Amino acid sequence: MPILSWLRNKITDQPGSTPLPRHGRAPWIEIGACYRFALPDGRWAYCQHIHVAPDFGYVVRVFDRITGDPLDSPAELEGAGLLFPPVFAAMIAARRYRLWHKIGVLPVNNFVFPKFRQTMGTKPGTYHDWRIWDGKKTTVLGDLPIKLRSLELKCVWACEGLGERIVAGTYRGDLMF
């Protein structure tokens, strides 16, 4: 069964929780849960699970808080800004392989689903087939207006890729217009 079908079928009545596939004792992924994960350069980054989009997956926000020593409490993340707008992340793999470690839960208040941009292009350059997705519908634009270039690309970030992006401070989407 494709993962998105599995996810759609497994969203439970328990508020904010989605079970992982049960291979042994897999952890739950909870809305509001904060995680720490190691970066390729040895530092630590932090994110929070803020939403599940049934047709696309887990939405996380990455805090603008990078540390040399791991934090053990989400209270230490309160007031931290974001490194970039919310993104989709491969949380099932991150949790199953214990790459992300839950450090606690913070409330997710006044969540508004972010908009994402998408194109058929895969490399840096200029494209003329841009679309904007708001989580429910896709709007075809053609050329991408300057004011929408800061939207995230509609893609799912692997845990390693997200870490590499944080260390580099940029990604290919920054060069796609």
C-alpha atoms as a PDB file:
ATOM      1  CA  MET A   1       0.000   0.000   0.000  1.00  0.00           C
ATOM      2  CA  PRO A   2       1.471   3.449  -0.897  1.00  0.00           C
ATOM      3  CA  ILE A   3       2.564   5.469   2.122  1.00  0.00           C
ATOM      4  CA  LEU A   4       0.082   8.294   1.518  1.00  0.00           C
ATOM      5  CA  SER A   5      -2.810   5.835   1.433  1.00  0.00           C
ATOM      6  CA  TRP A   6      -1.512   4.275   4.625  1.00  0.00           C
ATOM      7  CA  LEU A   7      -1.246   7.711   6.269  1.00  0.00           C
ATOM      8  CA  ARG A   8      -4.758   8.686   5.182  1.00  0.00           C
ATOM      9  CA  ASN A   9      -6.133   5.454   6.662  1.00  0.00           C
ATOM     10  CA  LYS A  10      -4.211   5.735   9.922  1.00  0.00           C
ATOM     11  CA  ILE A  11      -5.100   9.243  11.110  1.00  0.00           C
ATOM     12  CA  THR A  12      -6.792   8.470  14.397  1.00  0.00           C
ATOM     13  CA  ASP A  13      -9.474  10.008  16.561  1.00  0.00           C
ATOM     14  CA  GLN A  14      -6.766  10.806  19.095  1.00  0.00           C
ATOM     15  CA  PRO A  15      -6.131  14.568  18.588  1.00  0.00           C
ATOM     16  CA  GLY A  16      -2.883  15.330  16.859  1.00  0.00           C
ATOM     17  CA  SER A  17      -1.548  11.789  16.642  1.00  0.00           C
ATOM     18  CA  THR A  18      -0.686   9.583  13.713  1.00  0.00           C
ATOM     19  CA  PRO A  19       0.715   6.114  14.358  1.00  0.00           C
ATOM     20  CA  LEU A  20       3.823   4.848  12.631  1.00  0.00           C
ATOM     21  CA  PRO A  21       3.799   1.418  11.035  1.00  0.00           C
ATOM     22  CA  ARG A  22       4.214  -1.073  13.854  1.00  0.00           C
ATOM     23  CA  HIS A  23       7.589  -2.766  13.393  1.00  0.00           C
ATOM     24  CA  GLY A  24       8.387  -3.616  16.982  1.00  0.00           C
ATOM     25  CA  ARG A  25       7.678  -0.586  19.158  1.00  0.00           C
ATOM     26  CA  ALA A  26       7.605   2.346  16.728  1.00  0.00           C
ATOM     27  CA  PRO A  27       7.048   5.771  18.308  1.00  0.00           C
ATOM     28  CA  TRP A  28       4.028   7.974  17.597  1.00  0.00           C
ATOM     29  CA  ILE A  29       4.313  11.245  15.756  1.00  0.00           C
ATOM     30  CA  GLU A  30       2.390  13.899  17.642  1.00  0.00           C
ATOM     31  CA  ILE A  31       1.325  17.401  16.544  1.00  0.00           C
ATOM     32  CA  GLY A  32       3.379  19.869  18.576  1.00  0.00           C
ATOM     33  CA  ALA A  33       6.218  17.441  19.258  1.00  0.00           C
ATOM     34  CA  CYS A  34       9.676  19.039  19.146  1.00  0.00           C
ATOM     35  CA  TYR A  35      12.691  17.111  17.910  1.00  0.00           C
ATOM     36  CA  ARG A  36      16.447  17.552  17.900  1.00  0.00           C
ATOM     37  CA  PHE A  37      18.639  16.115  15.189  1.00  0.00           C
ATOM     38  CA  ALA A  38      22.344  16.075  14.475  1.00  0.00           C
ATOM     39  CA  LEU A  39      23.673  18.169  11.611  1.00  0.00           C
ATOM     40  CA  PRO A  40      26.460  16.933   9.314  1.00  0.00           C
ATOM     41  CA  ASP A  41      28.901  19.344  11.000  1.00  0.00           C
ATOM     42  CA  GLY A  42      28.206  17.940  14.485  1.00  0.00           C
ATOM     43  CA  ARG A  43      25.921  20.692  15.756  1.00  0.00           C
ATOM     44  CA  TRP A  44      22.260  20.208  16.689  1.00  0.00           C
ATOM     45  CA  ALA A  45      19.109  21.569  15.005  1.00  0.00           C
ATOM     46  CA  TYR A  46      15.503  21.595  16.239  1.00  0.00           C
ATOM     47  CA  CYS A  47      12.116  21.307  14.592  1.00  0.00           C
ATOM     48  CA  GLN A  48       8.460  20.927  15.504  1.00  0.00           C
ATOM     49  CA  HIS A  49       5.767  18.826  13.852  1.00  0.00           C
ATOM     50  CA  ILE A  50       2.903  21.244  13.184  1.00  0.00           C
ATOM     51  CA  HIS A  51       0.489  19.558  10.765  1.00  0.00           C
ATOM     52  CA  VAL A  52      -0.352  16.417   8.778  1.00  0.00           C
ATOM     53  CA  ALA A  53      -1.480  16.984   5.194  1.00  0.00           C
ATOM     54  CA  PRO A  54      -3.325  13.733   4.356  1.00  0.00           C
ATOM     55  CA  ASP A  55      -2.351  13.903   0.682  1.00  0.00           C
ATOM     56  CA  PHE A  56       1.295  14.871   1.176  1.00  0.00           C
ATOM     57  CA  GLY A  57       2.606  14.149   4.665  1.00  0.00           C
ATOM     58  CA  TYR A  58       4.116  15.815   7.701  1.00  0.00           C
ATOM     59  CA  VAL A  59       4.703  19.567   7.952  1.00  0.00           C
ATOM     60  CA  VAL A  60       7.485  20.774  10.250  1.00  0.00           C
ATOM     61  CA  ARG A  61       8.952  24.116  11.159  1.00  0.00           C
ATOM     62  CA  VAL A  62      12.686  24.359  11.739  1.00  0.00           C
ATOM     63  CA  PHE A  63      13.725  26.663  14.546  1.00  0.00           C
ATOM     64  CA  ASP A  64      16.470  29.237  14.170  1.00  0.00           C
ATOM     65  CA  ARG A  65      18.316  27.630  17.055  1.00  0.00           C
ATOM     66  CA  ILE A  66      21.490  25.700  16.280  1.00  0.00           C
ATOM     67  CA  THR A  67      23.548  24.518  19.256  1.00  0.00           C
ATOM     68  CA  GLY A  68      26.855  22.800  19.939  1.00  0.00           C
ATOM     69  CA  ASP A  69      25.392  20.751  22.774  1.00  0.00           C
ATOM     70  CA  PRO A  70      21.969  19.083  22.534  1.00  0.00           C
ATOM     71  CA  LEU A  71      19.013  20.727  24.253  1.00  0.00           C
ATOM     72  CA  ASP A  72      16.722  18.487  26.267  1.00  0.00           C
ATOM     73  CA  SER A  73      13.687  20.727  26.708  1.00  0.00           C
ATOM     74  CA  PRO A  74      11.366  22.407  24.217  1.00  0.00           C
ATOM     75  CA  ALA A  75      11.097  25.341  26.650  1.00  0.00           C
ATOM     76  CA  GLU A  76      14.561  26.350  25.411  1.00  0.00           C
ATOM     77  CA  LEU A  77      13.080  26.764  21.904  1.00  0.00           C
ATOM     78  CA  GLU A  78      10.296  29.153  22.892  1.00  0.00           C
ATOM     79  CA  GLY A  79      10.739  32.528  21.232  1.00  0.00           C
ATOM     80  CA  ALA A  80      13.139  31.170  18.605  1.00  0.00           C
ATOM     81  CA  GLY A  81      12.324  32.275  15.065  1.00  0.00           C
ATOM     82  CA  LEU A  82      12.284  30.016  12.016  1.00  0.00           C
ATOM     83  CA  LEU A  83      15.185  29.312   9.659  1.00  0.00           C
ATOM     84  CA  PHE A  84      12.775  29.140   6.704  1.00  0.00           C
ATOM     85  CA  PRO A  85       9.041  28.639   6.106  1.00  0.00           C
ATOM     86  CA  PRO A  86       7.489  25.278   7.104  1.00  0.00           C
ATOM     87  CA  VAL A  87       8.415  22.281   4.939  1.00  0.00           C
ATOM     88  CA  PHE A  88       7.308  18.697   4.429  1.00  0.00           C
ATOM     89  CA  ALA A  89       9.659  16.210   6.094  1.00  0.00           C
ATOM     90  CA  ALA A  90      10.082  12.441   5.953  1.00  0.00           C
ATOM     91  CA  MET A  91       9.194  12.042   9.617  1.00  0.00           C
ATOM     92  CA  ILE A  92       8.348   8.358   9.492  1.00  0.00           C
ATOM     93  CA  ALA A  93      11.901   7.532   8.426  1.00  0.00           C
ATOM     94  CA  ALA A  94      13.408  10.086  10.822  1.00  0.00           C
ATOM     95  CA  ARG A  95      11.617   8.513  13.772  1.00  0.00           C
ATOM     96  CA  ARG A  96      11.843   4.887  12.663  1.00  0.00           C
ATOM     97  CA  TYR A  97      15.618   5.112  12.273  1.00  0.00           C
ATOM     98  CA  ARG A  98      15.909   7.292  15.387  1.00  0.00           C
ATOM     99  CA  LEU A  99      17.528  10.186  13.556  1.00  0.00           C
ATOM    100  CA  TRP A 100      15.205  12.666  15.272  1.00  0.00           C
ATOM    101  CA  HIS A 101      14.866  12.562  19.048  1.00  0.00           C
ATOM    102  CA  LYS A 102      11.733  13.881  20.699  1.00  0.00           C
ATOM    103  CA  ILE A 103      12.522  16.412  23.430  1.00  0.00           C
ATOM    104  CA  GLY A 104       8.952  17.383  24.353  1.00  0.00           C
ATOM    105  CA  VAL A 105       5.854  19.161  23.111  1.00  0.00           C
ATOM    106  CA  LEU A 106       4.987  22.814  22.515  1.00  0.00           C
ATOM    107  CA  PRO A 107       1.510  23.994  21.539  1.00  0.00           C
ATOM    108  CA  VAL A 108       0.821  24.792  17.895  1.00  0.00           C
ATOM    109  CA  ASN A 109      -1.309  27.924  18.047  1.00  0.00           C
ATOM    110  CA  ASN A 110      -3.122  29.630  15.174  1.00  0.00           C
ATOM    111  CA  PHE A 111      -1.770  27.289  12.501  1.00  0.00           C
ATOM    112  CA  VAL A 112      -2.316  28.510   8.941  1.00  0.00           C
ATOM    113  CA  PHE A 113      -1.337  26.085   6.198  1.00  0.00           C
ATOM    114  CA  PRO A 114       1.545  27.602   4.210  1.00  0.00           C
ATOM    115  CA  LYS A 115       1.558  27.988   0.446  1.00  0.00           C
ATOM    116  CA  PHE A 116       4.092  26.069  -1.624  1.00  0.00           C
ATOM    117  CA  ARG A 117       5.403  26.657  -5.123  1.00  0.00           C
ATOM    118  CA  GLN A 118       5.973  23.913  -7.659  1.00  0.00           C
ATOM    119  CA  THR A 119       7.346  23.488 -11.157  1.00  0.00           C
ATOM    120  CA  MET A 120       8.297  20.565 -13.381  1.00  0.00           C
ATOM    121  CA  GLY A 121      11.861  21.943 -13.390  1.00  0.00           C
ATOM    122  CA  THR A 122      14.406  20.241 -11.164  1.00  0.00           C
ATOM    123  CA  LYS A 123      17.548  22.323 -11.617  1.00  0.00           C
ATOM    124  CA  PRO A 124      18.400  25.967 -10.930  1.00  0.00           C
ATOM    125  CA  GLY A 125      17.068  28.223 -13.678  1.00  0.00           C
ATOM    126  CA  THR A 126      14.031  30.118 -14.928  1.00  0.00           C
ATOM    127  CA  TYR A 127      10.799  28.230 -15.542  1.00  0.00           C
ATOM    128  CA  HIS A 128       7.439  29.254 -16.995  1.00  0.00           C
ATOM    129  CA  ASP A 129       5.168  26.553 -15.540  1.00  0.00           C
ATOM    130  CA  TRP A 130       4.878  27.626 -11.899  1.00  0.00           C
ATOM    131  CA  ARG A 131       1.953  26.628  -9.718  1.00  0.00           C
ATOM    132  CA  ILE A 132       1.024  27.607  -6.166  1.00  0.00           C
ATOM    133  CA  TRP A 133      -0.482  24.994  -3.847  1.00  0.00           C
ATOM    134  CA  ASP A 134      -2.322  26.001  -0.671  1.00  0.00           C
ATOM    135  CA  GLY A 135      -2.950  22.482   0.627  1.00  0.00           C
ATOM    136  CA  LYS A 136      -6.336  22.228  -1.087  1.00  0.00           C
ATOM    137  CA  LYS A 137      -6.056  23.593  -4.589  1.00  0.00           C
ATOM    138  CA  THR A 138      -3.370  24.372  -7.121  1.00  0.00           C
ATOM    139  CA  THR A 139      -3.300  27.687  -8.990  1.00  0.00           C
ATOM    140  CA  VAL A 140      -1.427  27.836 -12.292  1.00  0.00           C
ATOM    141  CA  LEU A 141       0.696  30.979 -12.651  1.00  0.00           C
ATOM    142  CA  GLY A 142       3.146  30.448 -15.504  1.00  0.00           C
ATOM    143  CA  ASP A 143       5.963  32.877 -14.631  1.00  0.00           C
ATOM    144  CA  LEU A 144       6.719  33.191 -10.916  1.00  0.00           C
ATOM    145  CA  PRO A 145       6.234  36.717  -9.527  1.00  0.00           C
ATOM    146  CA  ILE A 146       9.120  38.048  -7.422  1.00  0.00           C
ATOM    147  CA  LYS A 147       6.915  38.237  -4.316  1.00  0.00           C
ATOM    148  CA  LEU A 148       6.288  34.444  -4.442  1.00  0.00           C
ATOM    149  CA  ARG A 149       9.934  33.383  -4.821  1.00  0.00           C
ATOM    150  CA  SER A 150      10.298  33.060  -1.059  1.00  0.00           C
ATOM    151  CA  LEU A 151       7.690  30.266  -0.899  1.00  0.00           C
ATOM    152  CA  GLU A 152       9.061  26.802  -0.273  1.00  0.00           C
ATOM    153  CA  LEU A 153       9.128  24.235  -3.064  1.00  0.00           C
ATOM    154  CA  LYS A 154       6.490  21.541  -2.732  1.00  0.00           C
ATOM    155  CA  CYS A 155       8.677  18.566  -1.899  1.00  0.00           C
ATOM    156  CA  VAL A 156       9.367  16.205   0.980  1.00  0.00           C
ATOM    157  CA  TRP A 157      12.723  16.678   2.682  1.00  0.00           C
ATOM    158  CA  ALA A 158      14.652  13.603   3.775  1.00  0.00           C
ATOM    159  CA  CYS A 159      16.189  14.065   7.233  1.00  0.00           C
ATOM    160  CA  GLU A 160      19.729  14.129   5.828  1.00  0.00           C
ATOM    161  CA  GLY A 161      18.793  16.640   3.119  1.00  0.00           C
ATOM    162  CA  LEU A 162      17.199  18.945   5.661  1.00  0.00           C
ATOM    163  CA  GLY A 163      20.365  18.856   7.753  1.00  0.00           C
ATOM    164  CA  GLU A 164      22.532  19.612   4.723  1.00  0.00           C
ATOM    165  CA  ARG A 165      20.287  22.540   3.809  1.00  0.00           C
ATOM    166  CA  ILE A 166      20.599  23.998   7.309  1.00  0.00           C
ATOM    167  CA  VAL A 167      24.403  23.754   7.263  1.00  0.00           C
ATOM    168  CA  ALA A 168      24.682  25.197   3.717  1.00  0.00           C
ATOM    169  CA  GLY A 169      22.202  27.997   4.419  1.00  0.00           C
ATOM    170  CA  THR A 170      20.685  27.620   0.951  1.00  0.00           C
ATOM    171  CA  TYR A 171      19.125  25.049  -1.401  1.00  0.00           C
ATOM    172  CA  ARG A 172      18.408  24.626  -5.123  1.00  0.00           C
ATOM    173  CA  GLY A 173      14.984  26.258  -4.764  1.00  0.00           C
ATOM    174  CA  ASP A 174      16.733  29.544  -4.009  1.00  0.00           C
ATOM    175  CA  LEU A 175      17.958  29.511  -7.616  1.00  0.00           C
ATOM    176  CA  MET A 176      14.708  28.492  -9.320  1.00  0.00           C
ATOM    177  CA  PHE A 177      12.479  31.277 -10.630  1.00  0.00           C
END
